[in-house]
């Protein structure tokens, strides 16, 4: 194969690899079963503070997320989560949008304007980023154990 053609193919391969890995996560392993968010309710006390905390049921964690304009709270906080345990995202938003969860498999969570609750479960240990692609912001990094 001529040298210029080989160099061009190597460059193309590098670009494809970067494009494929641009939305990747740092978690290890893969899951054969898809994990889908489902609606869930959170207690009224969960609405006051945009942070992650256990709820009354010790097996459930709630993360309060507030979207206002081009800002989101929390902004890049780190939290620990247990593999296989439900996590409730309590979302208050001034406009509809989407949250991207870099789990295995990756998840996209649509939310409406107003208040909504979404529940997800992450089975694979590792670091999982929950982010707003629209705002180009990591909302929370979950260290799943």
C-alpha atoms as a PDB file:
ATOM      1  CA  UNK A   1       0.000   0.000   0.000  1.00  0.00           C
ATOM      2  CA  UNK A   2       1.477   3.429  -0.914  1.00  0.00           C
ATOM      3  CA  UNK A   3       2.710   5.464   2.067  1.00  0.00           C
ATOM      4  CA  UNK A   4       0.316   8.491   1.558  1.00  0.00           C
ATOM      5  CA  UNK A   5      -2.710   6.195   1.347  1.00  0.00           C
ATOM      6  CA  UNK A   6      -1.669   4.298   4.479  1.00  0.00           C
ATOM      7  CA  UNK A   7      -1.106   7.573   6.391  1.00  0.00           C
ATOM      8  CA  UNK A   8      -4.534   8.825   5.298  1.00  0.00           C
ATOM      9  CA  UNK A   9      -6.220   5.609   6.476  1.00  0.00           C
ATOM     10  CA  UNK A  10      -4.462   5.819   9.842  1.00  0.00           C
ATOM     11  CA  UNK A  11      -5.634   9.428  10.244  1.00  0.00           C
ATOM     12  CA  UNK A  12      -9.199   8.496   9.300  1.00  0.00           C
ATOM     13  CA  UNK A  13      -9.159   5.622  11.790  1.00  0.00           C
ATOM     14  CA  UNK A  14      -7.975   7.986  14.548  1.00  0.00           C
ATOM     15  CA  UNK A  15     -10.803  10.451  13.800  1.00  0.00           C
ATOM     16  CA  UNK A  16     -13.412   7.652  13.850  1.00  0.00           C
ATOM     17  CA  UNK A  17     -12.069   6.356  17.189  1.00  0.00           C
ATOM     18  CA  UNK A  18     -12.241   9.844  18.710  1.00  0.00           C
ATOM     19  CA  UNK A  19     -15.775  10.395  17.436  1.00  0.00           C
ATOM     20  CA  UNK A  20     -16.965   7.067  18.828  1.00  0.00           C
ATOM     21  CA  UNK A  21     -15.362   7.660  22.224  1.00  0.00           C
ATOM     22  CA  UNK A  22     -16.468  11.305  22.580  1.00  0.00           C
ATOM     23  CA  UNK A  23     -19.522  10.351  24.613  1.00  0.00           C
ATOM     24  CA  UNK A  24     -17.914   7.415  26.450  1.00  0.00           C
ATOM     25  CA  UNK A  25     -17.664   6.904  30.166  1.00  0.00           C
ATOM     26  CA  UNK A  26     -14.999   5.680  32.549  1.00  0.00           C
ATOM     27  CA  UNK A  27     -17.024   2.781  33.855  1.00  0.00           C
ATOM     28  CA  UNK A  28     -15.944  -0.813  33.486  1.00  0.00           C
ATOM     29  CA  UNK A  29     -17.927  -3.799  32.234  1.00  0.00           C
ATOM     30  CA  UNK A  30     -21.112  -3.980  30.233  1.00  0.00           C
ATOM     31  CA  UNK A  31     -24.659  -5.017  30.917  1.00  0.00           C
ATOM     32  CA  UNK A  32     -26.773  -7.279  28.766  1.00  0.00           C
ATOM     33  CA  UNK A  33     -29.993  -5.912  30.217  1.00  0.00           C
ATOM     34  CA  UNK A  34     -31.141  -2.383  29.320  1.00  0.00           C
ATOM     35  CA  UNK A  35     -31.816  -0.048  32.240  1.00  0.00           C
ATOM     36  CA  UNK A  36     -34.713   2.295  31.591  1.00  0.00           C
ATOM     37  CA  UNK A  37     -35.828   5.272  33.663  1.00  0.00           C
ATOM     38  CA  UNK A  38     -39.302   5.090  35.085  1.00  0.00           C
ATOM     39  CA  UNK A  39     -41.490   7.621  36.863  1.00  0.00           C
ATOM     40  CA  UNK A  40     -41.334   7.724  40.644  1.00  0.00           C
ATOM     41  CA  UNK A  41     -42.483   9.971  43.460  1.00  0.00           C
ATOM     42  CA  UNK A  42     -40.260  11.870  45.899  1.00  0.00           C
ATOM     43  CA  UNK A  43     -41.220  13.324  49.251  1.00  0.00           C
ATOM     44  CA  UNK A  44     -41.881  17.099  49.494  1.00  0.00           C
ATOM     45  CA  UNK A  45     -38.781  17.561  51.672  1.00  0.00           C
ATOM     46  CA  UNK A  46     -36.634  16.359  48.735  1.00  0.00           C
ATOM     47  CA  UNK A  47     -37.636  19.460  46.726  1.00  0.00           C
ATOM     48  CA  UNK A  48     -35.874  22.090  48.846  1.00  0.00           C
ATOM     49  CA  UNK A  49     -32.153  21.359  48.376  1.00  0.00           C
ATOM     50  CA  UNK A  50     -30.540  20.411  45.043  1.00  0.00           C
ATOM     51  CA  UNK A  51     -28.329  17.627  46.393  1.00  0.00           C
ATOM     52  CA  UNK A  52     -28.160  13.866  46.608  1.00  0.00           C
ATOM     53  CA  UNK A  53     -29.345  12.197  49.766  1.00  0.00           C
ATOM     54  CA  UNK A  54     -30.934   8.968  50.929  1.00  0.00           C
ATOM     55  CA  UNK A  55     -34.714   9.051  51.275  1.00  0.00           C
ATOM     56  CA  UNK A  56     -36.833   7.399  53.955  1.00  0.00           C
ATOM     57  CA  UNK A  57     -36.234   4.040  52.342  1.00  0.00           C
ATOM     58  CA  UNK A  58     -32.503   3.523  52.930  1.00  0.00           C
ATOM     59  CA  UNK A  59     -32.176   1.705  49.611  1.00  0.00           C
ATOM     60  CA  UNK A  60     -33.149   4.745  47.521  1.00  0.00           C
ATOM     61  CA  UNK A  61     -31.145   7.877  46.751  1.00  0.00           C
ATOM     62  CA  UNK A  62     -32.694  11.106  45.487  1.00  0.00           C
ATOM     63  CA  UNK A  63     -30.810  13.700  43.475  1.00  0.00           C
ATOM     64  CA  UNK A  64     -32.566  17.053  43.197  1.00  0.00           C
ATOM     65  CA  UNK A  65     -31.846  18.769  39.872  1.00  0.00           C
ATOM     66  CA  UNK A  66     -32.950  22.333  39.064  1.00  0.00           C
ATOM     67  CA  UNK A  67     -32.742  23.822  35.557  1.00  0.00           C
ATOM     68  CA  UNK A  68     -33.181  27.581  35.249  1.00  0.00           C
ATOM     69  CA  UNK A  69     -32.188  29.304  32.011  1.00  0.00           C
ATOM     70  CA  UNK A  70     -28.679  28.190  31.091  1.00  0.00           C
ATOM     71  CA  UNK A  71     -27.834  27.039  34.637  1.00  0.00           C
ATOM     72  CA  UNK A  72     -28.256  23.707  36.397  1.00  0.00           C
ATOM     73  CA  UNK A  73     -27.858  22.753  40.039  1.00  0.00           C
ATOM     74  CA  UNK A  74     -26.038  20.713  41.141  1.00  0.00           C
ATOM     75  CA  UNK A  75     -23.077  21.404  38.871  1.00  0.00           C
ATOM     76  CA  UNK A  76     -20.514  18.588  38.737  1.00  0.00           C
ATOM     77  CA  UNK A  77     -20.883  17.242  42.270  1.00  0.00           C
ATOM     78  CA  UNK A  78     -19.642  13.746  43.087  1.00  0.00           C
ATOM     79  CA  UNK A  79     -21.883  11.235  44.861  1.00  0.00           C
ATOM     80  CA  UNK A  80     -21.610   7.591  45.797  1.00  0.00           C
ATOM     81  CA  UNK A  81     -24.328   5.179  44.705  1.00  0.00           C
ATOM     82  CA  UNK A  82     -24.921   1.473  45.162  1.00  0.00           C
ATOM     83  CA  UNK A  83     -25.035  -0.788  42.124  1.00  0.00           C
ATOM     84  CA  UNK A  84     -28.509  -2.180  41.521  1.00  0.00           C
ATOM     85  CA  UNK A  85     -30.233   0.311  43.863  1.00  0.00           C
ATOM     86  CA  UNK A  86     -32.782   2.804  42.492  1.00  0.00           C
ATOM     87  CA  UNK A  87     -31.810   6.468  42.137  1.00  0.00           C
ATOM     88  CA  UNK A  88     -34.567   9.067  41.841  1.00  0.00           C
ATOM     89  CA  UNK A  89     -33.883  12.193  39.815  1.00  0.00           C
ATOM     90  CA  UNK A  90     -36.227  14.904  41.112  1.00  0.00           C
ATOM     91  CA  UNK A  91     -36.199  17.460  38.291  1.00  0.00           C
ATOM     92  CA  UNK A  92     -37.532  21.020  38.398  1.00  0.00           C
ATOM     93  CA  UNK A  93     -37.135  22.722  35.018  1.00  0.00           C
ATOM     94  CA  UNK A  94     -38.218  25.969  33.395  1.00  0.00           C
ATOM     95  CA  UNK A  95     -38.177  24.253  29.986  1.00  0.00           C
ATOM     96  CA  UNK A  96     -38.335  20.649  28.747  1.00  0.00           C
ATOM     97  CA  UNK A  97     -35.052  18.902  28.035  1.00  0.00           C
ATOM     98  CA  UNK A  98     -32.960  15.773  28.210  1.00  0.00           C
ATOM     99  CA  UNK A  99     -30.441  14.318  30.628  1.00  0.00           C
ATOM    100  CA  UNK A 100     -27.826  11.875  29.373  1.00  0.00           C
ATOM    101  CA  UNK A 101     -26.626   9.112  31.733  1.00  0.00           C
ATOM    102  CA  UNK A 102     -23.299   7.556  30.714  1.00  0.00           C
ATOM    103  CA  UNK A 103     -24.141   4.125  32.138  1.00  0.00           C
ATOM    104  CA  UNK A 104     -23.909   0.792  30.372  1.00  0.00           C
ATOM    105  CA  UNK A 105     -26.120   0.906  28.388  1.00  0.00           C
ATOM    106  CA  UNK A 106     -26.286   4.686  28.082  1.00  0.00           C
ATOM    107  CA  UNK A 107     -29.608   6.300  28.934  1.00  0.00           C
ATOM    108  CA  UNK A 108     -31.384   9.424  27.726  1.00  0.00           C
ATOM    109  CA  UNK A 109     -33.989  10.806  30.090  1.00  0.00           C
ATOM    110  CA  UNK A 110     -36.571  13.239  28.707  1.00  0.00           C
ATOM    111  CA  UNK A 111     -38.119  15.638  31.215  1.00  0.00           C
ATOM    112  CA  UNK A 112     -40.969  18.147  30.822  1.00  0.00           C
ATOM    113  CA  UNK A 113     -41.210  21.765  31.910  1.00  0.00           C
ATOM    114  CA  UNK A 114     -42.166  21.831  35.593  1.00  0.00           C
ATOM    115  CA  UNK A 115     -41.547  19.141  38.183  1.00  0.00           C
ATOM    116  CA  UNK A 116     -40.971  15.480  37.392  1.00  0.00           C
ATOM    117  CA  UNK A 117     -39.360  12.415  38.933  1.00  0.00           C
ATOM    118  CA  UNK A 118     -37.405   9.807  37.012  1.00  0.00           C
ATOM    119  CA  UNK A 119     -35.938   6.644  38.489  1.00  0.00           C
ATOM    120  CA  UNK A 120     -32.908   4.845  37.177  1.00  0.00           C
ATOM    121  CA  UNK A 121     -30.818   1.901  38.316  1.00  0.00           C
ATOM    122  CA  UNK A 122     -27.167   1.434  37.444  1.00  0.00           C
ATOM    123  CA  UNK A 123     -26.000  -2.165  37.670  1.00  0.00           C
ATOM    124  CA  UNK A 124     -22.348  -1.844  36.676  1.00  0.00           C
ATOM    125  CA  UNK A 125     -19.814  -0.395  39.173  1.00  0.00           C
ATOM    126  CA  UNK A 126     -17.738   2.543  37.948  1.00  0.00           C
ATOM    127  CA  UNK A 127     -17.943   6.302  37.489  1.00  0.00           C
ATOM    128  CA  UNK A 128     -21.128   7.358  35.698  1.00  0.00           C
ATOM    129  CA  UNK A 129     -21.605  10.925  34.504  1.00  0.00           C
ATOM    130  CA  UNK A 130     -25.098  12.397  34.459  1.00  0.00           C
ATOM    131  CA  UNK A 131     -25.081  15.406  32.179  1.00  0.00           C
ATOM    132  CA  UNK A 132     -27.019  17.951  30.203  1.00  0.00           C
ATOM    133  CA  UNK A 133     -25.760  17.837  26.624  1.00  0.00           C
ATOM    134  CA  UNK A 134     -27.679  21.032  25.843  1.00  0.00           C
ATOM    135  CA  UNK A 135     -25.784  22.948  28.549  1.00  0.00           C
ATOM    136  CA  UNK A 136     -22.538  20.981  28.043  1.00  0.00           C
ATOM    137  CA  UNK A 137     -22.476  20.451  31.818  1.00  0.00           C
ATOM    138  CA  UNK A 138     -21.930  17.441  34.048  1.00  0.00           C
ATOM    139  CA  UNK A 139     -24.693  17.564  36.650  1.00  0.00           C
ATOM    140  CA  UNK A 140     -23.409  14.811  38.904  1.00  0.00           C
ATOM    141  CA  UNK A 141     -20.745  12.104  38.787  1.00  0.00           C
ATOM    142  CA  UNK A 142     -21.940   8.900  40.409  1.00  0.00           C
ATOM    143  CA  UNK A 143     -19.326   6.569  41.835  1.00  0.00           C
ATOM    144  CA  UNK A 144     -21.244   3.306  41.618  1.00  0.00           C
ATOM    145  CA  UNK A 145     -20.004   0.534  43.920  1.00  0.00           C
END
